[in-house]
Amino acid sequence: MLTGTVQRPALTSQGDGVEVKTPRWSVLVTVTGPEVPGEGLPYQAPATTCTWIVTMSGATGPVPVSASDFSSIDDEGNLYRPALVAGQPKPPPVLRPGQKLSFELRAVEATGEGLMRWAPDARNIVAKWDFVVEND
């Protein structure tokens, strides 16, 4: 398992866990996806709806949780701001030791390669997950 910090953000593939460490806490974070609708359709759109699942567990202290701390960037440098999936329960603002949570994020993104990124302080990225948006 990789370790991610502000000084050395982890870079891994979607579905792999990252142990994120800060001076105040550490936590295991996994991002899976994106899941996309319409695979195998005859027309392949240049962009599609993407859904990721974020899972956090093993916190050693109070970990701030906000969907707005996640962002995605594609292979052409376009920035996306995924939002919580409508109708899903909003995650608590803080993950405490002994708790586990999962939530879904969604954005319309261009097909191709990308990175989902987490910056728990809204500025400094600590972990990145490589993915490919495919709708064929």
N, C-alpha and C. Protein backbone atom coordinates (compact mmCIF):
# COMPACT_ATOMS: atom_id res chain seq x y z
N MET A 1 0.83 -1.17 0.00
CA MET A 1 0.00 0.00 0.00
C MET A 1 0.88 1.24 0.00
N LEU A 2 0.48 2.22 -0.79
CA LEU A 2 1.24 3.46 -0.85
C LEU A 2 0.84 4.40 0.28
N THR A 3 1.76 5.28 0.64
CA THR A 3 1.51 6.32 1.63
C THR A 3 1.49 7.65 0.90
N GLY A 4 0.49 8.48 1.21
CA GLY A 4 0.39 9.80 0.61
C GLY A 4 0.50 10.89 1.66
N THR A 5 1.29 11.91 1.36
CA THR A 5 1.45 13.06 2.25
C THR A 5 1.43 14.32 1.38
N VAL A 6 1.37 15.47 2.03
CA VAL A 6 1.44 16.72 1.29
C VAL A 6 2.77 16.81 0.55
N GLN A 7 3.84 16.39 1.21
CA GLN A 7 5.16 16.46 0.60
C GLN A 7 5.35 15.45 -0.53
N ARG A 8 4.70 14.28 -0.40
CA ARG A 8 4.82 13.21 -1.41
C ARG A 8 3.46 12.58 -1.65
N PRO A 9 2.63 13.20 -2.49
CA PRO A 9 1.31 12.61 -2.78
C PRO A 9 1.46 11.24 -3.43
N ALA A 10 0.61 10.32 -3.04
CA ALA A 10 0.63 8.98 -3.62
C ALA A 10 -0.04 9.02 -4.99
N LEU A 11 0.48 8.23 -5.91
CA LEU A 11 -0.13 8.05 -7.23
C LEU A 11 -0.33 6.56 -7.44
N THR A 12 -1.58 6.15 -7.59
CA THR A 12 -1.89 4.74 -7.75
C THR A 12 -3.05 4.59 -8.73
N SER A 13 -3.51 3.37 -8.91
CA SER A 13 -4.62 3.09 -9.82
C SER A 13 -5.94 3.07 -9.06
N GLN A 14 -7.01 3.37 -9.79
CA GLN A 14 -8.33 3.31 -9.16
C GLN A 14 -8.53 1.93 -8.55
N GLY A 15 -9.13 1.92 -7.37
CA GLY A 15 -9.37 0.67 -6.65
C GLY A 15 -8.31 0.34 -5.63
N ASP A 16 -7.15 0.99 -5.71
CA ASP A 16 -6.08 0.73 -4.74
C ASP A 16 -6.20 1.68 -3.54
N GLY A 17 -5.87 1.16 -2.38
CA GLY A 17 -5.91 1.96 -1.17
C GLY A 17 -4.65 2.80 -0.99
N VAL A 18 -4.83 3.95 -0.37
CA VAL A 18 -3.72 4.83 -0.03
C VAL A 18 -3.83 5.17 1.45
N GLU A 19 -2.73 5.02 2.18
CA GLU A 19 -2.71 5.48 3.56
C GLU A 19 -2.24 6.94 3.54
N VAL A 20 -3.18 7.83 3.83
CA VAL A 20 -2.87 9.25 3.83
C VAL A 20 -2.46 9.64 5.24
N LYS A 21 -1.30 10.32 5.35
CA LYS A 21 -0.78 10.73 6.65
C LYS A 21 -0.61 12.24 6.70
N THR A 22 -1.09 12.82 7.79
CA THR A 22 -0.86 14.23 8.08
C THR A 22 -0.31 14.29 9.51
N PRO A 23 0.13 15.45 9.97
CA PRO A 23 0.62 15.54 11.35
C PRO A 23 -0.46 15.24 12.40
N ARG A 24 -1.74 15.37 12.03
CA ARG A 24 -2.83 15.20 13.00
C ARG A 24 -3.56 13.88 12.91
N TRP A 25 -3.51 13.21 11.75
CA TRP A 25 -4.25 11.97 11.56
C TRP A 25 -3.70 11.20 10.36
N SER A 26 -4.12 9.94 10.28
CA SER A 26 -3.91 9.13 9.08
C SER A 26 -5.21 8.40 8.81
N VAL A 27 -5.39 7.98 7.55
CA VAL A 27 -6.62 7.31 7.14
C VAL A 27 -6.36 6.51 5.87
N LEU A 28 -7.06 5.41 5.72
CA LEU A 28 -7.00 4.61 4.51
C LEU A 28 -8.11 5.08 3.57
N VAL A 29 -7.73 5.46 2.34
CA VAL A 29 -8.70 5.96 1.37
C VAL A 29 -8.58 5.14 0.09
N THR A 30 -9.73 4.72 -0.43
CA THR A 30 -9.79 4.00 -1.70
C THR A 30 -10.80 4.70 -2.59
N VAL A 31 -10.45 4.88 -3.86
CA VAL A 31 -11.38 5.42 -4.85
C VAL A 31 -11.52 4.38 -5.96
N THR A 32 -12.76 3.96 -6.23
CA THR A 32 -13.02 3.02 -7.32
C THR A 32 -13.86 3.73 -8.38
N GLY A 33 -13.69 3.29 -9.60
CA GLY A 33 -14.45 3.87 -10.70
C GLY A 33 -13.51 4.52 -11.70
N PRO A 34 -14.08 5.13 -12.67
CA PRO A 34 -15.49 5.49 -12.74
C PRO A 34 -16.35 4.41 -13.39
N GLU A 35 -17.56 4.33 -12.88
CA GLU A 35 -18.61 3.55 -13.53
C GLU A 35 -19.28 4.50 -14.51
N VAL A 36 -19.57 4.01 -15.71
CA VAL A 36 -20.20 4.86 -16.73
C VAL A 36 -21.41 4.14 -17.31
N PRO A 37 -22.46 4.90 -17.68
CA PRO A 37 -23.62 4.28 -18.33
C PRO A 37 -23.35 4.08 -19.81
N GLY A 38 -24.08 3.19 -20.42
CA GLY A 38 -24.05 3.09 -21.87
C GLY A 38 -22.91 2.33 -22.48
N GLU A 39 -22.22 1.49 -21.72
CA GLU A 39 -21.14 0.72 -22.33
C GLU A 39 -21.70 -0.18 -23.42
N GLY A 40 -21.01 -0.24 -24.54
CA GLY A 40 -21.40 -1.12 -25.63
C GLY A 40 -22.42 -0.52 -26.58
N LEU A 41 -22.75 0.75 -26.43
CA LEU A 41 -23.70 1.37 -27.34
C LEU A 41 -23.02 1.65 -28.69
N PRO A 42 -23.80 1.72 -29.77
CA PRO A 42 -23.19 1.92 -31.09
C PRO A 42 -22.52 3.29 -31.25
N TYR A 43 -23.03 4.30 -30.54
CA TYR A 43 -22.42 5.64 -30.63
C TYR A 43 -21.62 5.90 -29.36
N GLN A 44 -20.36 6.24 -29.53
CA GLN A 44 -19.50 6.52 -28.39
C GLN A 44 -19.37 8.04 -28.24
N ALA A 45 -20.02 8.58 -27.25
CA ALA A 45 -19.99 10.02 -27.02
C ALA A 45 -18.59 10.46 -26.57
N PRO A 46 -18.22 11.72 -26.83
CA PRO A 46 -16.91 12.21 -26.41
C PRO A 46 -16.81 12.44 -24.90
N ALA A 47 -17.96 12.43 -24.21
CA ALA A 47 -17.99 12.60 -22.75
C ALA A 47 -19.14 11.77 -22.20
N THR A 48 -19.05 11.44 -20.92
CA THR A 48 -20.10 10.64 -20.31
C THR A 48 -20.15 10.90 -18.81
N THR A 49 -21.23 10.48 -18.19
CA THR A 49 -21.38 10.60 -16.74
C THR A 49 -20.52 9.55 -16.06
N CYS A 50 -19.71 9.98 -15.10
CA CYS A 50 -18.79 9.10 -14.38
C CYS A 50 -19.15 9.10 -12.90
N THR A 51 -19.14 7.92 -12.29
CA THR A 51 -19.43 7.80 -10.86
C THR A 51 -18.30 7.05 -10.18
N TRP A 52 -17.78 7.64 -9.11
CA TRP A 52 -16.74 7.02 -8.30
C TRP A 52 -17.27 6.74 -6.92
N ILE A 53 -16.70 5.72 -6.27
CA ILE A 53 -17.02 5.42 -4.87
C ILE A 53 -15.76 5.67 -4.05
N VAL A 54 -15.89 6.54 -3.06
CA VAL A 54 -14.80 6.86 -2.13
C VAL A 54 -15.09 6.12 -0.83
N THR A 55 -14.10 5.39 -0.32
CA THR A 55 -14.22 4.68 0.95
C THR A 55 -13.09 5.12 1.86
N MET A 56 -13.43 5.44 3.11
CA MET A 56 -12.45 5.86 4.10
C MET A 56 -12.63 5.03 5.37
N SER A 57 -11.49 4.61 5.95
CA SER A 57 -11.54 3.82 7.19
C SER A 57 -10.19 3.92 7.89
N GLY A 58 -10.14 3.39 9.10
CA GLY A 58 -8.88 3.30 9.83
C GLY A 58 -8.32 4.63 10.28
N ALA A 59 -9.17 5.60 10.52
CA ALA A 59 -8.69 6.92 10.94
C ALA A 59 -8.03 6.85 12.31
N THR A 60 -6.95 7.60 12.47
CA THR A 60 -6.26 7.66 13.78
C THR A 60 -6.62 8.93 14.54
N GLY A 61 -7.37 9.80 13.91
CA GLY A 61 -7.83 11.05 14.51
C GLY A 61 -8.98 11.57 13.67
N PRO A 62 -9.58 12.70 14.04
CA PRO A 62 -10.68 13.24 13.25
C PRO A 62 -10.22 13.70 11.86
N VAL A 63 -10.81 13.11 10.81
CA VAL A 63 -10.44 13.39 9.43
C VAL A 63 -11.55 14.23 8.79
N PRO A 64 -11.22 15.41 8.24
CA PRO A 64 -12.25 16.20 7.58
C PRO A 64 -12.72 15.50 6.30
N VAL A 65 -14.03 15.52 6.08
CA VAL A 65 -14.61 14.87 4.90
C VAL A 65 -15.47 15.88 4.16
N SER A 66 -15.14 16.11 2.90
CA SER A 66 -15.92 17.02 2.06
C SER A 66 -15.78 16.61 0.61
N ALA A 67 -16.90 16.47 -0.07
CA ALA A 67 -16.85 16.13 -1.50
C ALA A 67 -16.09 17.18 -2.28
N SER A 68 -16.14 18.42 -1.84
CA SER A 68 -15.46 19.50 -2.57
C SER A 68 -13.94 19.40 -2.50
N ASP A 69 -13.41 18.53 -1.65
CA ASP A 69 -11.96 18.34 -1.58
C ASP A 69 -11.45 17.36 -2.63
N PHE A 70 -12.38 16.77 -3.40
CA PHE A 70 -12.01 15.87 -4.49
C PHE A 70 -12.13 16.60 -5.81
N SER A 71 -11.18 16.38 -6.67
CA SER A 71 -11.22 16.95 -8.02
C SER A 71 -10.66 15.92 -8.99
N SER A 72 -10.95 16.13 -10.25
CA SER A 72 -10.46 15.22 -11.29
C SER A 72 -9.87 16.07 -12.41
N ILE A 73 -8.86 15.52 -13.05
CA ILE A 73 -8.24 16.20 -14.18
C ILE A 73 -8.05 15.17 -15.29
N ASP A 74 -8.35 15.58 -16.53
CA ASP A 74 -8.20 14.62 -17.63
C ASP A 74 -6.84 14.80 -18.31
N ASP A 75 -6.59 13.96 -19.31
CA ASP A 75 -5.27 13.96 -19.96
C ASP A 75 -5.01 15.22 -20.80
N GLU A 76 -6.01 16.09 -20.94
CA GLU A 76 -5.81 17.36 -21.64
C GLU A 76 -5.74 18.54 -20.67
N GLY A 77 -5.74 18.24 -19.36
CA GLY A 77 -5.62 19.27 -18.35
C GLY A 77 -6.92 19.91 -17.92
N ASN A 78 -8.07 19.40 -18.38
CA ASN A 78 -9.36 19.93 -17.97
C ASN A 78 -9.66 19.51 -16.53
N LEU A 79 -10.10 20.46 -15.73
CA LEU A 79 -10.41 20.22 -14.32
C LEU A 79 -11.90 19.99 -14.15
N TYR A 80 -12.25 18.97 -13.35
CA TYR A 80 -13.64 18.64 -13.06
C TYR A 80 -13.83 18.66 -11.55
N ARG A 81 -15.00 19.06 -11.13
CA ARG A 81 -15.37 19.10 -9.71
C ARG A 81 -16.54 18.15 -9.48
N PRO A 82 -16.26 16.88 -9.20
CA PRO A 82 -17.35 15.95 -8.96
C PRO A 82 -18.18 16.37 -7.74
N ALA A 83 -19.43 16.04 -7.78
CA ALA A 83 -20.35 16.36 -6.67
C ALA A 83 -20.93 15.07 -6.12
N LEU A 84 -21.49 15.16 -4.94
CA LEU A 84 -22.17 14.00 -4.37
C LEU A 84 -23.31 13.59 -5.28
N VAL A 85 -23.54 12.30 -5.41
CA VAL A 85 -24.62 11.78 -6.22
C VAL A 85 -25.94 12.15 -5.56
N ALA A 86 -26.85 12.74 -6.34
CA ALA A 86 -28.15 13.14 -5.82
C ALA A 86 -28.88 11.94 -5.22
N GLY A 87 -29.50 12.15 -4.08
CA GLY A 87 -30.27 11.09 -3.43
C GLY A 87 -29.45 10.21 -2.49
N GLN A 88 -28.15 10.33 -2.53
CA GLN A 88 -27.30 9.55 -1.64
C GLN A 88 -27.14 10.30 -0.32
N PRO A 89 -26.97 9.58 0.77
CA PRO A 89 -26.75 10.28 2.05
C PRO A 89 -25.46 11.08 2.01
N LYS A 90 -25.50 12.28 2.57
CA LYS A 90 -24.31 13.12 2.65
C LYS A 90 -23.39 12.54 3.71
N PRO A 91 -22.09 12.43 3.41
CA PRO A 91 -21.18 11.89 4.43
C PRO A 91 -21.05 12.88 5.59
N PRO A 92 -20.69 12.37 6.77
CA PRO A 92 -20.49 13.27 7.90
C PRO A 92 -19.30 14.19 7.61
N PRO A 93 -19.25 15.38 8.22
CA PRO A 93 -18.14 16.30 7.96
C PRO A 93 -16.81 15.83 8.53
N VAL A 94 -16.87 14.85 9.46
CA VAL A 94 -15.65 14.34 10.08
C VAL A 94 -15.76 12.82 10.22
N LEU A 95 -14.70 12.11 9.82
CA LEU A 95 -14.59 10.67 10.06
C LEU A 95 -13.78 10.49 11.33
N ARG A 96 -14.35 9.79 12.29
CA ARG A 96 -13.68 9.58 13.58
C ARG A 96 -13.09 8.18 13.65
N PRO A 97 -12.07 7.98 14.51
CA PRO A 97 -11.49 6.64 14.66
C PRO A 97 -12.58 5.61 14.93
N GLY A 98 -12.46 4.45 14.27
CA GLY A 98 -13.42 3.37 14.42
C GLY A 98 -14.58 3.44 13.42
N GLN A 99 -14.73 4.54 12.72
CA GLN A 99 -15.79 4.67 11.73
C GLN A 99 -15.28 4.31 10.34
N LYS A 100 -16.21 3.92 9.48
CA LYS A 100 -15.92 3.67 8.07
C LYS A 100 -17.04 4.34 7.29
N LEU A 101 -16.69 4.96 6.17
CA LEU A 101 -17.73 5.56 5.35
C LEU A 101 -17.43 5.40 3.89
N SER A 102 -18.49 5.41 3.10
CA SER A 102 -18.39 5.39 1.64
C SER A 102 -19.39 6.40 1.11
N PHE A 103 -19.01 7.06 0.04
CA PHE A 103 -19.93 7.96 -0.63
C PHE A 103 -19.59 7.99 -2.11
N GLU A 104 -20.56 8.40 -2.91
CA GLU A 104 -20.41 8.42 -4.36
C GLU A 104 -20.27 9.85 -4.86
N LEU A 105 -19.35 10.02 -5.82
CA LEU A 105 -19.14 11.29 -6.49
C LEU A 105 -19.46 11.12 -7.97
N ARG A 106 -19.96 12.19 -8.60
CA ARG A 106 -20.34 12.10 -10.01
C ARG A 106 -19.97 13.38 -10.75
N ALA A 107 -19.53 13.20 -12.01
CA ALA A 107 -19.24 14.32 -12.91
C ALA A 107 -19.35 13.83 -14.34
N VAL A 108 -19.63 14.73 -15.25
CA VAL A 108 -19.57 14.41 -16.68
C VAL A 108 -18.16 14.75 -17.14
N GLU A 109 -17.47 13.75 -17.68
CA GLU A 109 -16.08 13.93 -18.08
C GLU A 109 -15.83 13.40 -19.47
N ALA A 110 -14.80 13.93 -20.09
CA ALA A 110 -14.38 13.46 -21.41
C ALA A 110 -13.85 12.03 -21.32
N THR A 111 -14.05 11.27 -22.39
CA THR A 111 -13.48 9.93 -22.42
C THR A 111 -11.96 10.05 -22.49
N GLY A 112 -11.30 9.05 -21.95
CA GLY A 112 -9.84 9.05 -21.94
C GLY A 112 -9.30 8.91 -20.53
N GLU A 113 -8.02 9.19 -20.37
CA GLU A 113 -7.35 9.02 -19.09
C GLU A 113 -7.59 10.21 -18.17
N GLY A 114 -7.50 9.93 -16.87
CA GLY A 114 -7.65 11.00 -15.89
C GLY A 114 -7.10 10.62 -14.54
N LEU A 115 -7.13 11.59 -13.63
CA LEU A 115 -6.71 11.39 -12.25
C LEU A 115 -7.78 11.94 -11.31
N MET A 116 -8.22 11.13 -10.36
CA MET A 116 -9.05 11.62 -9.26
C MET A 116 -8.08 12.01 -8.16
N ARG A 117 -8.29 13.19 -7.54
CA ARG A 117 -7.34 13.71 -6.57
C ARG A 117 -8.06 14.10 -5.28
N TRP A 118 -7.35 13.96 -4.16
CA TRP A 118 -7.91 14.36 -2.87
C TRP A 118 -6.97 15.34 -2.19
N ALA A 119 -7.53 16.48 -1.79
CA ALA A 119 -6.80 17.51 -1.04
C ALA A 119 -7.64 17.82 0.20
N PRO A 120 -7.41 17.10 1.31
CA PRO A 120 -8.28 17.26 2.48
C PRO A 120 -8.27 18.64 3.12
N ASP A 121 -7.30 19.47 2.74
CA ASP A 121 -7.30 20.86 3.24
C ASP A 121 -7.74 21.83 2.14
N ALA A 122 -8.28 21.28 1.05
CA ALA A 122 -8.77 22.04 -0.11
C ALA A 122 -7.65 22.72 -0.92
N ARG A 123 -6.39 22.44 -0.59
CA ARG A 123 -5.27 23.06 -1.31
C ARG A 123 -4.20 22.05 -1.73
N ASN A 124 -3.81 21.20 -0.81
CA ASN A 124 -2.66 20.31 -1.02
C ASN A 124 -3.11 18.88 -1.29
N ILE A 125 -2.82 18.40 -2.50
CA ILE A 125 -3.19 17.05 -2.89
C ILE A 125 -2.31 16.04 -2.16
N VAL A 126 -2.94 15.01 -1.58
CA VAL A 126 -2.20 13.97 -0.86
C VAL A 126 -2.28 12.61 -1.54
N ALA A 127 -3.26 12.44 -2.45
CA ALA A 127 -3.41 11.16 -3.13
C ALA A 127 -4.07 11.38 -4.49
N LYS A 128 -3.65 10.54 -5.47
CA LYS A 128 -4.19 10.60 -6.82
C LYS A 128 -4.43 9.18 -7.31
N TRP A 129 -5.58 8.97 -7.95
CA TRP A 129 -5.92 7.67 -8.50
C TRP A 129 -6.08 7.80 -10.01
N ASP A 130 -5.31 7.03 -10.76
CA ASP A 130 -5.35 7.00 -12.22
C ASP A 130 -6.58 6.20 -12.67
N PHE A 131 -7.26 6.67 -13.70
CA PHE A 131 -8.42 5.94 -14.23
C PHE A 131 -8.55 6.20 -15.72
N VAL A 132 -9.42 5.44 -16.37
CA VAL A 132 -9.75 5.65 -17.78
C VAL A 132 -11.26 5.69 -17.90
N VAL A 133 -11.78 6.72 -18.56
CA VAL A 133 -13.20 6.81 -18.86
C VAL A 133 -13.41 6.12 -20.21
N GLU A 134 -14.13 4.99 -20.17
CA GLU A 134 -14.40 4.23 -21.39
C GLU A 134 -15.91 4.03 -21.50
N ASN A 135 -16.44 4.23 -22.70
CA ASN A 135 -17.85 3.96 -22.92
C ASN A 135 -18.06 3.07 -24.14
N ASP A 136 -17.05 2.26 -24.44
CA ASP A 136 -17.19 1.32 -25.57
C ASP A 136 -17.27 -0.10 -25.11
